[in-house]
């Protein structure tokens, strides 16, 4: 894999750094398993709850798409990209609206959310390749579940990998409960 990486000093390397290549590979691996879990599902199956949770395969893909977009843009624009600068002020209605991001809405299809996911993945990969430095510290929005005040761009991309892998596992359990198909083992 080759690309041009800016070193932040005006010069460029002709090869992508190993660290960035590793992050891109880890993202591709996690994305593959999430996408693979949705193989051959109908829209109805993709939006079916098969466990006691509210989660569905299609809803998880929709959620991970938004996660990628928000966090990748966070590395570019900071906390304003997260749409909320202080999660400690959220109401029950805010959390209910957030939960809707885990469901396919009327008119949404599995093919549509997968296409949107591909677009978000391409943009995340571009942001990762073009980030001036993975060491850049970015102030986090206030959130009751987070005591950190800043994350490096590196940590943000690691978080996207972890979030995708975690939700791929959730999707695998949901899929196995739907029709017995397994994606990860």
N, C-alpha and C. Protein backbone atom coordinates (compact mmCIF):
# COMPACT_ATOMS: atom_id res chain seq x y z
N UNK A 1 0.85 -1.16 0.00
CA UNK A 1 0.00 0.00 0.00
C UNK A 1 0.91 1.23 0.00
N UNK A 2 0.68 2.11 -0.94
CA UNK A 2 1.47 3.35 -0.94
C UNK A 2 0.53 4.53 -1.04
N UNK A 3 0.99 5.62 -0.51
CA UNK A 3 0.27 6.89 -0.56
C UNK A 3 1.27 7.96 -0.16
N UNK A 4 0.87 9.18 -0.28
CA UNK A 4 1.74 10.27 0.16
C UNK A 4 1.30 10.69 1.54
N UNK A 5 2.24 10.75 2.44
CA UNK A 5 1.94 11.15 3.81
C UNK A 5 2.64 12.45 4.10
N UNK A 6 1.88 13.42 4.56
CA UNK A 6 2.48 14.68 4.95
C UNK A 6 3.15 14.53 6.30
N UNK A 7 4.34 15.05 6.44
CA UNK A 7 5.03 15.00 7.72
C UNK A 7 4.76 16.24 8.54
N UNK A 8 3.99 17.17 8.00
CA UNK A 8 3.67 18.38 8.73
C UNK A 8 4.73 19.46 8.56
N UNK A 9 5.81 19.15 7.84
CA UNK A 9 6.90 20.11 7.66
C UNK A 9 6.99 20.58 6.22
N UNK A 10 6.02 20.19 5.42
CA UNK A 10 6.06 20.58 4.02
C UNK A 10 6.68 19.51 3.14
N UNK A 11 7.41 18.57 3.71
CA UNK A 11 7.98 17.49 2.92
C UNK A 11 7.04 16.29 2.97
N UNK A 12 7.22 15.36 2.06
CA UNK A 12 6.36 14.19 2.05
C UNK A 12 7.20 12.94 1.94
N UNK A 13 6.68 11.88 2.50
CA UNK A 13 7.26 10.56 2.32
C UNK A 13 6.50 9.90 1.19
N UNK A 14 7.14 9.02 0.44
CA UNK A 14 6.45 8.38 -0.67
C UNK A 14 5.68 7.15 -0.22
N UNK A 15 5.94 6.63 0.94
CA UNK A 15 5.21 5.47 1.43
C UNK A 15 4.44 5.84 2.68
N UNK A 16 3.32 5.22 2.83
CA UNK A 16 2.51 5.40 4.02
C UNK A 16 3.28 4.84 5.21
N UNK A 17 3.28 5.55 6.35
CA UNK A 17 3.99 5.05 7.52
C UNK A 17 3.42 3.69 7.92
N UNK A 18 4.25 2.88 8.54
CA UNK A 18 3.81 1.55 8.97
C UNK A 18 2.66 1.65 9.97
N UNK A 19 2.74 2.63 10.86
CA UNK A 19 1.67 2.80 11.84
C UNK A 19 0.34 3.10 11.17
N UNK A 20 0.34 3.99 10.21
CA UNK A 20 -0.91 4.31 9.51
C UNK A 20 -1.39 3.13 8.69
N UNK A 21 -0.46 2.42 8.07
CA UNK A 21 -0.83 1.23 7.30
C UNK A 21 -1.45 0.19 8.22
N UNK A 22 -0.89 0.04 9.43
CA UNK A 22 -1.44 -0.92 10.39
C UNK A 22 -2.84 -0.50 10.84
N UNK A 23 -3.05 0.78 11.10
CA UNK A 23 -4.37 1.26 11.50
C UNK A 23 -5.39 1.05 10.37
N UNK A 24 -4.99 1.34 9.14
CA UNK A 24 -5.88 1.13 8.00
C UNK A 24 -6.22 -0.35 7.85
N UNK A 25 -5.23 -1.22 8.04
CA UNK A 25 -5.47 -2.66 7.93
C UNK A 25 -6.40 -3.14 9.04
N UNK A 26 -6.20 -2.65 10.27
CA UNK A 26 -7.07 -3.04 11.38
C UNK A 26 -8.51 -2.57 11.13
N UNK A 27 -8.67 -1.37 10.63
CA UNK A 27 -10.00 -0.87 10.29
C UNK A 27 -10.65 -1.73 9.20
N UNK A 28 -9.89 -2.05 8.16
CA UNK A 28 -10.42 -2.87 7.07
C UNK A 28 -10.85 -4.24 7.58
N UNK A 29 -10.06 -4.82 8.47
CA UNK A 29 -10.37 -6.14 9.03
C UNK A 29 -11.68 -6.10 9.83
N UNK A 30 -11.80 -5.12 10.72
CA UNK A 30 -13.02 -5.00 11.53
C UNK A 30 -14.23 -4.71 10.66
N UNK A 31 -14.06 -3.83 9.68
CA UNK A 31 -15.17 -3.51 8.78
C UNK A 31 -15.62 -4.74 8.00
N UNK A 32 -14.65 -5.54 7.55
CA UNK A 32 -14.98 -6.75 6.78
C UNK A 32 -15.94 -7.63 7.58
N UNK A 33 -15.61 -7.87 8.87
CA UNK A 33 -16.46 -8.76 9.66
C UNK A 33 -17.83 -8.17 9.90
N UNK A 34 -17.92 -6.87 10.09
CA UNK A 34 -19.24 -6.25 10.26
C UNK A 34 -20.06 -6.39 8.98
N UNK A 35 -19.45 -6.08 7.85
CA UNK A 35 -20.15 -6.21 6.57
C UNK A 35 -20.51 -7.67 6.28
N UNK A 36 -19.58 -8.58 6.55
CA UNK A 36 -19.78 -10.00 6.26
C UNK A 36 -20.97 -10.55 7.04
N UNK A 37 -21.18 -10.04 8.23
CA UNK A 37 -22.30 -10.48 9.05
C UNK A 37 -23.63 -10.19 8.36
N UNK A 38 -23.67 -9.16 7.55
CA UNK A 38 -24.93 -8.76 6.89
C UNK A 38 -25.16 -9.50 5.57
N UNK A 39 -24.23 -10.34 5.17
CA UNK A 39 -24.35 -11.01 3.87
C UNK A 39 -25.67 -11.76 3.73
N UNK A 40 -26.30 -11.59 2.59
CA UNK A 40 -27.51 -12.32 2.21
C UNK A 40 -28.73 -12.05 3.09
N UNK A 41 -28.69 -11.03 3.94
CA UNK A 41 -29.86 -10.69 4.73
C UNK A 41 -30.84 -9.87 3.91
N UNK A 42 -32.12 -10.06 4.17
CA UNK A 42 -33.13 -9.18 3.60
C UNK A 42 -33.19 -7.92 4.45
N UNK A 43 -33.86 -6.91 3.96
CA UNK A 43 -34.05 -5.68 4.76
C UNK A 43 -34.79 -6.00 6.05
N UNK A 44 -35.78 -6.88 5.96
CA UNK A 44 -36.55 -7.25 7.15
C UNK A 44 -35.65 -7.94 8.18
N UNK A 45 -34.81 -8.88 7.74
CA UNK A 45 -33.90 -9.56 8.66
C UNK A 45 -32.89 -8.57 9.25
N UNK A 46 -32.40 -7.66 8.43
CA UNK A 46 -31.40 -6.69 8.89
C UNK A 46 -31.98 -5.76 9.95
N UNK A 47 -33.28 -5.66 10.00
CA UNK A 47 -33.93 -4.77 10.98
C UNK A 47 -34.68 -5.57 12.06
N UNK A 48 -34.36 -6.87 12.18
CA UNK A 48 -35.01 -7.73 13.16
C UNK A 48 -34.19 -7.86 14.43
N UNK A 49 -34.83 -7.68 15.55
CA UNK A 49 -34.22 -7.95 16.85
C UNK A 49 -34.30 -9.45 17.09
N UNK A 50 -33.16 -10.08 17.31
CA UNK A 50 -33.17 -11.53 17.53
C UNK A 50 -32.69 -11.90 18.93
N UNK A 51 -32.39 -10.92 19.73
CA UNK A 51 -31.99 -11.13 21.11
C UNK A 51 -32.81 -10.18 21.99
N UNK A 52 -32.55 -10.19 23.28
CA UNK A 52 -33.31 -9.31 24.16
C UNK A 52 -32.92 -7.85 23.99
N UNK A 53 -31.80 -7.57 23.35
CA UNK A 53 -31.39 -6.19 23.14
C UNK A 53 -32.20 -5.55 22.02
N UNK A 54 -32.08 -4.24 21.90
CA UNK A 54 -32.74 -3.49 20.84
C UNK A 54 -31.96 -3.53 19.53
N UNK A 55 -30.76 -4.11 19.57
CA UNK A 55 -29.85 -4.03 18.43
C UNK A 55 -30.27 -4.93 17.28
N UNK A 56 -29.99 -4.45 16.06
CA UNK A 56 -30.19 -5.21 14.83
C UNK A 56 -28.92 -5.08 14.00
N UNK A 57 -28.74 -5.99 13.06
CA UNK A 57 -27.55 -5.93 12.20
C UNK A 57 -27.53 -4.61 11.42
N UNK A 58 -28.64 -4.27 10.80
CA UNK A 58 -28.70 -3.02 10.03
C UNK A 58 -28.50 -1.80 10.90
N UNK A 59 -29.08 -1.81 12.08
CA UNK A 59 -28.92 -0.69 13.00
C UNK A 59 -27.48 -0.53 13.48
N UNK A 60 -26.80 -1.65 13.70
CA UNK A 60 -25.40 -1.57 14.10
C UNK A 60 -24.54 -0.98 12.99
N UNK A 61 -24.80 -1.36 11.76
CA UNK A 61 -24.04 -0.80 10.63
C UNK A 61 -24.31 0.69 10.53
N UNK A 62 -25.55 1.08 10.69
CA UNK A 62 -25.92 2.50 10.67
C UNK A 62 -25.19 3.25 11.79
N UNK A 63 -25.17 2.68 12.98
CA UNK A 63 -24.49 3.30 14.12
C UNK A 63 -22.99 3.43 13.87
N UNK A 64 -22.35 2.36 13.43
CA UNK A 64 -20.90 2.40 13.20
C UNK A 64 -20.56 3.43 12.12
N UNK A 65 -21.41 3.57 11.14
CA UNK A 65 -21.20 4.59 10.10
C UNK A 65 -21.14 5.97 10.74
N UNK A 66 -22.09 6.27 11.60
CA UNK A 66 -22.12 7.58 12.26
C UNK A 66 -20.93 7.75 13.19
N UNK A 67 -20.55 6.70 13.89
CA UNK A 67 -19.38 6.74 14.77
C UNK A 67 -18.13 7.10 13.96
N UNK A 68 -17.94 6.41 12.84
CA UNK A 68 -16.77 6.71 12.01
C UNK A 68 -16.77 8.16 11.56
N UNK A 69 -17.91 8.62 11.08
CA UNK A 69 -17.98 10.00 10.60
C UNK A 69 -17.65 11.00 11.71
N UNK A 70 -18.29 10.81 12.85
CA UNK A 70 -18.07 11.76 13.95
C UNK A 70 -16.63 11.76 14.42
N UNK A 71 -16.07 10.59 14.67
CA UNK A 71 -14.71 10.54 15.20
C UNK A 71 -13.66 10.95 14.18
N UNK A 72 -13.83 10.58 12.93
CA UNK A 72 -12.86 11.01 11.90
C UNK A 72 -12.88 12.53 11.78
N UNK A 73 -14.07 13.11 11.76
CA UNK A 73 -14.15 14.57 11.68
C UNK A 73 -13.67 15.24 12.96
N UNK A 74 -13.79 14.55 14.08
CA UNK A 74 -13.26 15.04 15.35
C UNK A 74 -11.76 15.29 15.23
N UNK A 75 -11.05 14.42 14.52
CA UNK A 75 -9.59 14.61 14.37
C UNK A 75 -9.28 15.82 13.50
N UNK A 76 -10.23 16.25 12.70
CA UNK A 76 -10.04 17.40 11.81
C UNK A 76 -10.55 18.69 12.45
N UNK A 77 -11.74 18.63 13.05
CA UNK A 77 -12.42 19.85 13.53
C UNK A 77 -12.56 19.95 15.04
N UNK A 78 -12.16 18.93 15.77
CA UNK A 78 -12.28 18.96 17.22
C UNK A 78 -13.68 18.62 17.68
N UNK A 79 -13.97 18.99 18.93
CA UNK A 79 -15.22 18.60 19.58
C UNK A 79 -16.46 19.09 18.84
N UNK A 80 -16.36 20.20 18.10
CA UNK A 80 -17.54 20.70 17.37
C UNK A 80 -18.04 19.67 16.36
N UNK A 81 -17.18 18.79 15.88
CA UNK A 81 -17.60 17.76 14.93
C UNK A 81 -18.47 16.70 15.59
N UNK A 82 -18.44 16.63 16.91
CA UNK A 82 -19.20 15.61 17.62
C UNK A 82 -20.67 16.01 17.77
N UNK A 83 -21.05 17.16 17.32
CA UNK A 83 -22.42 17.67 17.34
C UNK A 83 -22.88 18.06 18.74
N UNK A 84 -22.18 17.62 19.77
CA UNK A 84 -22.51 17.97 21.14
C UNK A 84 -21.20 18.24 21.86
N UNK A 85 -21.09 19.38 22.49
CA UNK A 85 -19.86 19.70 23.20
C UNK A 85 -19.91 19.29 24.67
N UNK A 86 -21.13 19.01 25.17
CA UNK A 86 -21.26 18.66 26.58
C UNK A 86 -22.40 17.65 26.73
N UNK A 87 -22.04 16.38 26.78
CA UNK A 87 -23.05 15.32 26.90
C UNK A 87 -23.68 15.28 28.28
N UNK A 88 -23.08 15.99 29.25
CA UNK A 88 -23.64 15.98 30.60
C UNK A 88 -24.97 16.72 30.67
N UNK A 89 -25.31 17.46 29.63
CA UNK A 89 -26.57 18.21 29.61
C UNK A 89 -27.70 17.45 28.89
N UNK A 90 -27.43 16.25 28.42
CA UNK A 90 -28.43 15.49 27.67
C UNK A 90 -29.65 15.16 28.52
N UNK A 91 -30.80 15.21 27.86
CA UNK A 91 -32.06 14.84 28.49
C UNK A 91 -32.44 13.43 28.04
N UNK A 92 -33.52 12.90 28.61
CA UNK A 92 -34.03 11.58 28.19
C UNK A 92 -34.38 11.61 26.70
N UNK A 93 -34.91 12.73 26.22
CA UNK A 93 -35.25 12.85 24.80
C UNK A 93 -34.00 12.77 23.93
N UNK A 94 -32.90 13.39 24.38
CA UNK A 94 -31.65 13.32 23.63
C UNK A 94 -31.16 11.88 23.53
N UNK A 95 -31.24 11.15 24.64
CA UNK A 95 -30.81 9.75 24.62
C UNK A 95 -31.74 8.89 23.76
N UNK A 96 -33.02 9.19 23.76
CA UNK A 96 -33.97 8.46 22.91
C UNK A 96 -33.67 8.71 21.44
N UNK A 97 -33.36 9.95 21.11
CA UNK A 97 -33.01 10.27 19.72
C UNK A 97 -31.72 9.55 19.31
N UNK A 98 -30.75 9.51 20.21
CA UNK A 98 -29.50 8.79 19.96
C UNK A 98 -29.78 7.31 19.69
N UNK A 99 -30.69 6.72 20.47
CA UNK A 99 -31.02 5.30 20.30
C UNK A 99 -31.60 5.02 18.93
N UNK A 100 -32.26 6.00 18.32
CA UNK A 100 -32.80 5.81 16.97
C UNK A 100 -31.70 5.56 15.95
N UNK A 101 -30.49 6.02 16.25
CA UNK A 101 -29.36 5.77 15.35
C UNK A 101 -28.95 4.31 15.28
N UNK A 102 -29.54 3.48 16.14
CA UNK A 102 -29.27 2.04 16.14
C UNK A 102 -30.35 1.25 15.42
N UNK A 103 -31.25 1.93 14.73
CA UNK A 103 -32.34 1.26 14.04
C UNK A 103 -32.43 1.76 12.60
N UNK A 104 -32.86 0.87 11.73
CA UNK A 104 -33.18 1.32 10.37
C UNK A 104 -34.54 2.01 10.42
N UNK A 105 -34.59 3.21 9.90
CA UNK A 105 -35.85 3.96 9.86
C UNK A 105 -36.65 3.54 8.65
N UNK A 106 -37.92 3.94 8.63
CA UNK A 106 -38.76 3.68 7.45
C UNK A 106 -38.06 4.21 6.21
N UNK A 107 -38.01 3.40 5.18
CA UNK A 107 -37.38 3.80 3.93
C UNK A 107 -35.90 3.48 3.83
N UNK A 108 -35.25 3.17 4.95
CA UNK A 108 -33.84 2.79 4.90
C UNK A 108 -33.74 1.31 4.56
N UNK A 109 -32.73 0.99 3.77
CA UNK A 109 -32.49 -0.39 3.37
C UNK A 109 -31.10 -0.83 3.80
N UNK A 110 -30.90 -2.12 3.87
CA UNK A 110 -29.58 -2.64 4.18
C UNK A 110 -28.58 -2.20 3.11
N UNK A 111 -28.96 -2.29 1.85
CA UNK A 111 -28.06 -1.85 0.78
C UNK A 111 -27.70 -0.38 0.94
N UNK A 112 -28.66 0.43 1.33
CA UNK A 112 -28.41 1.85 1.51
C UNK A 112 -27.46 2.14 2.66
N UNK A 113 -27.67 1.45 3.80
CA UNK A 113 -26.76 1.71 4.93
C UNK A 113 -25.38 1.15 4.66
N UNK A 114 -25.28 0.04 3.91
CA UNK A 114 -23.96 -0.47 3.54
C UNK A 114 -23.23 0.48 2.60
N UNK A 115 -23.95 1.07 1.65
CA UNK A 115 -23.33 2.05 0.75
C UNK A 115 -22.87 3.28 1.53
N UNK A 116 -23.68 3.73 2.47
CA UNK A 116 -23.31 4.86 3.31
C UNK A 116 -22.09 4.52 4.16
N UNK A 117 -22.04 3.29 4.66
CA UNK A 117 -20.90 2.82 5.44
C UNK A 117 -19.63 2.83 4.60
N UNK A 118 -19.72 2.37 3.36
CA UNK A 118 -18.55 2.39 2.47
C UNK A 118 -18.05 3.81 2.26
N UNK A 119 -18.98 4.74 2.07
CA UNK A 119 -18.60 6.15 1.89
C UNK A 119 -17.91 6.70 3.14
N UNK A 120 -18.46 6.40 4.30
CA UNK A 120 -17.85 6.86 5.56
C UNK A 120 -16.47 6.24 5.74
N UNK A 121 -16.33 4.97 5.40
CA UNK A 121 -15.03 4.29 5.52
C UNK A 121 -13.98 4.93 4.62
N UNK A 122 -14.36 5.24 3.40
CA UNK A 122 -13.41 5.91 2.49
C UNK A 122 -12.96 7.25 3.06
N UNK A 123 -13.91 8.00 3.63
CA UNK A 123 -13.57 9.30 4.20
C UNK A 123 -12.69 9.14 5.44
N UNK A 124 -13.00 8.19 6.29
CA UNK A 124 -12.17 7.93 7.47
C UNK A 124 -10.75 7.57 7.04
N UNK A 125 -10.63 6.70 6.07
CA UNK A 125 -9.31 6.29 5.58
C UNK A 125 -8.54 7.49 5.02
N UNK A 126 -9.24 8.36 4.30
CA UNK A 126 -8.58 9.56 3.76
C UNK A 126 -8.09 10.46 4.89
N UNK A 127 -8.94 10.66 5.89
CA UNK A 127 -8.56 11.51 7.03
C UNK A 127 -7.35 10.90 7.74
N UNK A 128 -7.34 9.60 7.93
CA UNK A 128 -6.21 8.93 8.58
C UNK A 128 -4.93 9.10 7.77
N UNK A 129 -5.03 8.91 6.46
CA UNK A 129 -3.84 9.08 5.60
C UNK A 129 -3.32 10.52 5.63
N UNK A 130 -4.25 11.49 5.65
CA UNK A 130 -3.88 12.89 5.51
C UNK A 130 -3.64 13.62 6.83
N UNK A 131 -3.91 12.98 7.96
CA UNK A 131 -3.71 13.66 9.25
C UNK A 131 -2.26 14.11 9.38
N UNK A 132 -2.02 15.38 9.71
CA UNK A 132 -0.64 15.86 9.81
C UNK A 132 0.19 15.08 10.81
N UNK A 133 -0.43 14.70 11.94
CA UNK A 133 0.30 13.95 12.96
C UNK A 133 -0.70 13.14 13.77
N UNK A 134 -0.33 11.91 14.06
CA UNK A 134 -1.18 11.09 14.93
C UNK A 134 -0.99 11.45 16.40
N UNK A 135 0.00 12.29 16.68
CA UNK A 135 0.28 12.73 18.05
C UNK A 135 -0.54 13.95 18.46
N UNK A 136 -1.23 14.57 17.53
CA UNK A 136 -2.02 15.76 17.83
C UNK A 136 -3.05 15.45 18.90
N UNK A 137 -3.07 16.27 19.96
CA UNK A 137 -4.05 16.10 21.02
C UNK A 137 -5.27 16.97 20.73
N UNK A 138 -6.46 16.37 20.92
CA UNK A 138 -7.71 17.04 20.61
C UNK A 138 -8.58 16.99 21.87
N UNK A 139 -9.15 18.14 22.25
CA UNK A 139 -9.99 18.21 23.43
C UNK A 139 -11.30 17.46 23.20
N UNK A 140 -11.63 16.59 24.11
CA UNK A 140 -12.86 15.79 24.03
C UNK A 140 -14.06 16.59 24.52
N UNK A 141 -15.25 16.27 23.99
CA UNK A 141 -16.45 16.86 24.58
C UNK A 141 -16.62 16.31 26.00
N UNK A 142 -17.33 17.03 26.84
CA UNK A 142 -17.60 16.56 28.20
C UNK A 142 -18.63 15.44 28.12
N UNK A 143 -18.33 14.36 28.85
CA UNK A 143 -19.25 13.22 28.87
C UNK A 143 -19.14 12.53 30.22
N UNK A 144 -20.25 12.09 30.77
CA UNK A 144 -20.21 11.44 32.08
C UNK A 144 -19.46 10.11 32.07
N UNK A 145 -19.30 9.50 30.90
CA UNK A 145 -18.63 8.20 30.80
C UNK A 145 -17.15 8.33 30.50
N UNK A 146 -16.64 9.55 30.46
CA UNK A 146 -15.25 9.74 30.09
C UNK A 146 -14.58 10.73 31.02
N UNK A 147 -13.47 10.32 31.63
CA UNK A 147 -12.73 11.23 32.51
C UNK A 147 -11.54 11.87 31.80
N UNK A 148 -11.21 11.39 30.60
CA UNK A 148 -10.12 12.00 29.83
C UNK A 148 -10.55 13.37 29.32
N UNK A 149 -9.58 14.25 29.15
CA UNK A 149 -9.89 15.56 28.60
C UNK A 149 -9.44 15.69 27.15
N UNK A 150 -8.45 14.90 26.75
CA UNK A 150 -7.90 14.97 25.39
C UNK A 150 -7.57 13.55 24.90
N UNK A 151 -7.70 13.36 23.62
CA UNK A 151 -7.21 12.13 22.97
C UNK A 151 -6.29 12.55 21.84
N UNK A 152 -5.31 11.72 21.56
CA UNK A 152 -4.49 11.92 20.36
C UNK A 152 -5.28 11.43 19.16
N UNK A 153 -4.91 11.91 17.99
CA UNK A 153 -5.54 11.42 16.76
C UNK A 153 -5.35 9.90 16.67
N UNK A 154 -4.20 9.42 17.08
CA UNK A 154 -3.92 7.98 17.07
C UNK A 154 -4.98 7.23 17.89
N UNK A 155 -5.24 7.73 19.09
CA UNK A 155 -6.21 7.07 19.96
C UNK A 155 -7.61 7.11 19.36
N UNK A 156 -7.94 8.17 18.67
CA UNK A 156 -9.25 8.26 18.01
C UNK A 156 -9.38 7.14 16.98
N UNK A 157 -8.36 6.93 16.15
CA UNK A 157 -8.45 5.88 15.13
C UNK A 157 -8.44 4.49 15.77
N UNK A 158 -7.72 4.33 16.87
CA UNK A 158 -7.77 3.07 17.61
C UNK A 158 -9.18 2.84 18.16
N UNK A 159 -9.81 3.92 18.62
CA UNK A 159 -11.17 3.83 19.15
C UNK A 159 -12.15 3.41 18.04
N UNK A 160 -11.99 3.95 16.85
CA UNK A 160 -12.86 3.56 15.73
C UNK A 160 -12.70 2.07 15.45
N UNK A 161 -11.44 1.58 15.47
CA UNK A 161 -11.19 0.14 15.27
C UNK A 161 -11.89 -0.68 16.35
N UNK A 162 -11.72 -0.27 17.60
CA UNK A 162 -12.31 -1.03 18.71
C UNK A 162 -13.83 -1.01 18.65
N UNK A 163 -14.40 0.14 18.37
CA UNK A 163 -15.86 0.27 18.29
C UNK A 163 -16.41 -0.62 17.17
N UNK A 164 -15.73 -0.62 16.03
CA UNK A 164 -16.17 -1.43 14.90
C UNK A 164 -16.08 -2.91 15.23
N UNK A 165 -14.97 -3.34 15.83
CA UNK A 165 -14.80 -4.75 16.19
C UNK A 165 -15.83 -5.18 17.22
N UNK A 166 -16.07 -4.34 18.21
CA UNK A 166 -17.05 -4.67 19.25
C UNK A 166 -18.43 -4.85 18.63
N UNK A 167 -18.82 -3.94 17.75
CA UNK A 167 -20.14 -4.03 17.14
C UNK A 167 -20.21 -5.16 16.11
N UNK A 168 -19.10 -5.52 15.50
CA UNK A 168 -19.09 -6.69 14.62
C UNK A 168 -19.41 -7.95 15.43
N UNK A 169 -18.88 -8.02 16.65
CA UNK A 169 -19.22 -9.13 17.53
C UNK A 169 -20.68 -9.14 17.92
N UNK A 170 -21.23 -7.96 18.22
CA UNK A 170 -22.67 -7.88 18.51
C UNK A 170 -23.48 -8.37 17.31
N UNK A 171 -23.11 -7.89 16.14
CA UNK A 171 -23.83 -8.26 14.92
C UNK A 171 -23.75 -9.77 14.67
N UNK A 172 -22.60 -10.36 14.97
CA UNK A 172 -22.43 -11.81 14.78
C UNK A 172 -23.40 -12.59 15.67
N UNK A 173 -23.55 -12.15 16.91
CA UNK A 173 -24.49 -12.82 17.82
C UNK A 173 -25.93 -12.67 17.31
N UNK A 174 -26.27 -11.46 16.87
CA UNK A 174 -27.61 -11.21 16.35
C UNK A 174 -27.86 -12.08 15.12
N UNK A 175 -26.89 -12.13 14.23
CA UNK A 175 -27.04 -12.92 13.00
C UNK A 175 -27.20 -14.40 13.33
N UNK A 176 -26.37 -14.92 14.23
CA UNK A 176 -26.48 -16.33 14.59
C UNK A 176 -27.86 -16.63 15.18
N UNK A 177 -28.39 -15.68 15.95
CA UNK A 177 -29.73 -15.86 16.53
C UNK A 177 -30.82 -15.81 15.46
N UNK A 178 -30.56 -15.06 14.38
CA UNK A 178 -31.54 -14.96 13.29
C UNK A 178 -31.68 -16.25 12.51
N UNK A 179 -30.55 -16.77 12.04
CA UNK A 179 -30.62 -17.90 11.11
C UNK A 179 -29.49 -18.92 11.27
N UNK A 180 -28.72 -18.78 12.34
CA UNK A 180 -27.64 -19.75 12.58
C UNK A 180 -26.35 -19.46 11.86
N UNK A 181 -26.33 -18.47 10.98
CA UNK A 181 -25.11 -18.14 10.25
C UNK A 181 -24.11 -17.50 11.20
N UNK A 182 -22.84 -17.87 11.04
CA UNK A 182 -21.78 -17.31 11.87
C UNK A 182 -20.80 -16.57 10.98
N UNK A 183 -20.23 -15.52 11.52
CA UNK A 183 -19.26 -14.73 10.77
C UNK A 183 -17.88 -14.86 11.35
N UNK A 184 -17.79 -15.06 12.65
CA UNK A 184 -16.50 -14.94 13.30
C UNK A 184 -16.08 -16.23 14.02
N UNK A 185 -16.63 -17.34 13.68
CA UNK A 185 -16.13 -18.55 14.33
C UNK A 185 -17.12 -19.61 14.57
